[in-house]
Amino acid sequence: MNIHQLSLHHDVLHDRLLLRINTTAHQELRVWLTRRLALGLQPHLERLGVDIMAPQATAQTPVHSEHTRQMMAEFKQQENLDKADFSTPYTEAETLPLGAEPLLITDVQMSPQTDGTIVLGFQEKLGPPPHRGFQARVQPDLVLGLQHLMRDAIQKADWLTRSATAPSDELPAAPPPGGYLN
């Protein structure tokens, strides 16, 4: 599967991120990313971005510290993002091979390949097998684009506030007599 476009936005009604993947074969794959999954995935995408860009950034200038390696990788990431096209509107696909209802993703796998691409696997494991899912081989610049879209969507969803990222382990207080807690 060759990916043509990505779209990621926060759906307020579902309080989830909807990732839409449009392929060069004019097929669209839709997945829901919950807050918990998206916030857990984001650091891995960030690290993968550094791992992808560090060899390119340090190819001519060897570095000896991890901090310098990371800074050079971030510079290379920004350079690639400056070249990316985030202004072209998302094109609706002709077919939906997984159906109109997005998969509710429970597992994501990221596997760097020897040719520099990354295999992203998305799975919905909500009940007994068979589970729904798919894999896509993506170029490093597309991973950086997904990383950017994810960062932006999480910020727009306001999921980085203390209440969103630090759920309380305490049980809610009992409601007042004759009243409701929420």
Protein backbone atom coordinates (compact mmCIF):
# COMPACT_ATOMS: atom_id res chain seq x y z
CA MET A 1 0.00 0.00 0.00
CA ASN A 2 1.39 3.40 -0.97
CA ILE A 3 0.14 6.30 1.11
CA HIS A 4 -0.84 9.46 -0.72
CA GLN A 5 -2.24 11.63 2.11
CA LEU A 6 -2.87 11.62 5.83
CA SER A 7 -5.49 13.49 7.79
CA LEU A 8 -5.70 13.59 11.57
CA HIS A 9 -8.21 15.58 13.57
CA HIS A 10 -9.91 15.54 16.94
CA ASP A 11 -13.55 14.46 16.91
CA VAL A 12 -15.10 16.31 19.86
CA LEU A 13 -18.19 14.09 20.01
CA HIS A 14 -16.16 10.88 20.37
CA ASP A 15 -13.17 12.58 22.09
CA ARG A 16 -10.87 10.62 19.81
CA LEU A 17 -8.50 11.35 16.97
CA LEU A 18 -9.65 10.22 13.54
CA LEU A 19 -6.74 9.21 11.33
CA ARG A 20 -7.64 8.93 7.67
CA ILE A 21 -5.13 7.38 5.29
CA ASN A 22 -5.63 7.93 1.59
CA THR A 23 -3.65 5.59 -0.67
CA THR A 24 -2.40 6.12 -4.22
CA ALA A 25 -4.99 3.47 -5.24
CA HIS A 26 -7.73 5.91 -4.05
CA GLN A 27 -8.65 3.82 -1.01
CA GLU A 28 -9.21 5.27 2.43
CA LEU A 29 -8.44 3.55 5.71
CA ARG A 30 -9.96 5.09 8.83
CA VAL A 31 -8.88 4.53 12.43
CA TRP A 32 -9.81 5.96 15.80
CA LEU A 33 -7.00 6.76 18.22
CA THR A 34 -8.10 7.17 21.82
CA ARG A 35 -6.48 9.72 24.11
CA ARG A 36 -4.68 6.98 26.01
CA LEU A 37 -3.30 5.38 22.83
CA ALA A 38 -2.36 8.71 21.20
CA LEU A 39 -0.55 10.00 24.29
CA GLY A 40 1.26 6.67 24.61
CA LEU A 41 2.16 6.59 20.91
CA GLN A 42 3.45 10.17 20.71
CA PRO A 43 6.75 9.62 22.59
CA HIS A 44 7.49 6.58 20.41
CA LEU A 45 6.86 8.62 17.26
CA GLU A 46 9.13 11.35 18.61
CA ARG A 47 11.90 8.85 19.34
CA LEU A 48 11.44 7.20 15.95
CA GLY A 49 11.76 10.63 14.34
CA VAL A 50 15.10 11.17 16.06
CA ASP A 51 16.26 7.67 15.11
CA ILE A 52 15.27 8.27 11.48
CA MET A 53 16.89 11.69 11.15
CA ALA A 54 20.01 11.24 13.29
CA PRO A 55 21.94 9.14 10.73
CA GLN A 56 21.16 11.69 7.99
CA ALA A 57 22.03 14.64 10.21
CA THR A 58 25.29 13.16 11.48
CA ALA A 59 26.47 11.50 8.25
CA GLN A 60 29.08 14.17 7.52
CA THR A 61 29.78 15.32 11.07
CA PRO A 62 30.26 12.58 13.64
CA VAL A 63 28.88 13.45 17.06
CA HIS A 64 29.88 11.99 20.37
CA SER A 65 27.06 13.05 22.67
CA GLU A 66 23.44 11.95 22.63
CA HIS A 67 22.30 15.53 23.22
CA THR A 68 24.13 16.78 20.11
CA ARG A 69 22.78 13.83 18.09
CA GLN A 70 19.24 14.66 19.16
CA MET A 71 19.64 18.38 18.38
CA MET A 72 20.98 17.64 14.90
CA ALA A 73 18.12 15.18 14.29
CA GLU A 74 15.57 17.80 15.37
CA PHE A 75 17.14 20.30 12.98
CA LYS A 76 16.87 17.77 10.14
CA GLN A 77 13.25 17.01 11.13
CA GLN A 78 12.36 20.70 10.95
CA GLU A 79 14.08 20.96 7.59
CA ASN A 80 11.91 18.09 6.27
CA LEU A 81 8.73 19.55 7.79
CA ASP A 82 9.44 22.87 6.08
CA LYS A 83 9.34 21.02 2.75
CA ALA A 84 6.13 19.10 3.60
CA ASP A 85 2.77 20.10 2.13
CA PHE A 86 0.23 20.63 4.92
CA SER A 87 -1.88 23.09 2.93
CA THR A 88 -3.38 20.80 0.25
CA PRO A 89 -6.88 19.77 1.32
CA TYR A 90 -7.45 16.08 2.04
CA THR A 91 -8.97 14.28 -0.95
CA GLU A 92 -11.88 11.95 -0.28
CA ALA A 93 -11.17 8.39 -1.42
CA GLU A 94 -13.32 6.35 -3.76
CA THR A 95 -13.42 3.13 -1.71
CA LEU A 96 -13.29 2.15 1.94
CA PRO A 97 -11.77 -1.37 2.06
CA LEU A 98 -12.19 -1.65 5.85
CA GLY A 99 -15.69 -0.18 5.81
CA ALA A 100 -17.11 3.21 6.69
CA GLU A 101 -16.79 2.71 10.46
CA PRO A 102 -13.22 3.46 11.59
CA LEU A 103 -11.23 0.76 13.39
CA LEU A 104 -10.85 1.44 17.11
CA ILE A 105 -7.12 0.88 17.38
CA THR A 106 -5.87 -1.03 20.41
CA ASP A 107 -2.36 -1.94 19.17
CA VAL A 108 0.21 -0.12 17.04
CA GLN A 109 3.49 -1.65 15.91
CA MET A 110 6.38 0.32 14.40
CA SER A 111 9.14 -1.67 12.72
CA PRO A 112 12.08 0.13 11.08
CA GLN A 113 13.25 -1.70 7.95
CA THR A 114 16.75 -2.00 6.52
CA ASP A 115 15.76 0.07 3.45
CA GLY A 116 14.93 3.08 5.67
CA THR A 117 11.17 2.65 5.56
CA ILE A 118 9.00 1.93 8.58
CA VAL A 119 6.21 -0.63 8.74
CA LEU A 120 3.29 0.70 10.78
CA GLY A 121 0.76 -1.88 11.92
CA PHE A 122 -2.65 -0.92 13.27
CA GLN A 123 -4.90 -3.50 14.94
CA GLU A 124 -8.32 -3.51 16.51
CA LYS A 125 -8.47 -6.30 19.11
CA LEU A 126 -11.86 -5.84 20.74
CA GLY A 127 -13.08 -9.40 20.96
CA PRO A 128 -12.18 -12.91 19.95
CA PRO A 129 -10.25 -13.39 16.69
CA PRO A 130 -10.34 -12.63 13.86
CA HIS A 131 -9.16 -9.09 14.56
CA ARG A 132 -9.25 -6.25 12.06
CA GLY A 133 -6.13 -4.37 11.10
CA PHE A 134 -3.63 -3.46 8.42
CA GLN A 135 0.01 -2.64 7.85
CA ALA A 136 1.55 0.15 5.79
CA ARG A 137 5.16 0.62 4.73
CA VAL A 138 5.90 4.33 5.00
CA GLN A 139 8.78 6.57 4.06
CA PRO A 140 10.60 8.43 6.86
CA ASP A 141 9.26 11.83 5.78
CA LEU A 142 5.70 10.52 6.11
CA VAL A 143 6.46 9.35 9.66
CA LEU A 144 7.66 12.87 10.41
CA GLY A 145 4.44 14.24 8.92
CA LEU A 146 2.36 11.88 11.07
CA GLN A 147 4.39 12.93 14.10
CA HIS A 148 3.65 16.59 13.32
CA LEU A 149 -0.08 15.95 12.74
CA MET A 150 -0.29 13.95 15.98
CA ARG A 151 1.42 16.69 17.98
CA ASP A 152 -0.94 19.29 16.50
CA ALA A 153 -4.10 17.20 17.03
CA ILE A 154 -3.20 16.40 20.65
CA GLN A 155 -2.64 20.08 21.32
CA LYS A 156 -5.93 21.09 19.65
CA ALA A 157 -7.75 18.37 21.63
CA ASP A 158 -6.30 19.94 24.79
CA TRP A 159 -5.18 16.52 26.01
CA LEU A 160 -1.98 17.85 27.54
CA THR A 161 -3.64 19.58 30.45
CA ARG A 162 -2.98 18.15 33.89
CA SER A 163 -6.47 16.67 34.17
CA ALA A 164 -6.12 14.91 30.81
CA THR A 165 -2.72 13.34 31.43
CA ALA A 166 -2.87 12.66 35.15
CA PRO A 167 -6.09 10.81 35.90
CA SER A 168 -6.86 10.51 39.55
CA ASP A 169 -6.65 7.08 41.17
CA GLU A 170 -8.98 8.25 43.89
CA LEU A 171 -12.63 7.26 43.87
CA PRO A 172 -15.02 10.16 43.41
CA ALA A 173 -16.65 11.57 46.51
CA ALA A 174 -20.12 10.34 47.32
CA PRO A 175 -22.82 12.55 45.85
CA PRO A 176 -24.68 14.82 48.23
CA PRO A 177 -28.01 13.46 49.49
CA GLY A 178 -30.54 13.74 46.69
CA GLY A 179 -27.90 15.10 44.29
CA TYR A 180 -25.74 13.95 41.45
CA LEU A 181 -21.99 13.74 41.24
CA ASN A 182 -21.87 14.93 37.62
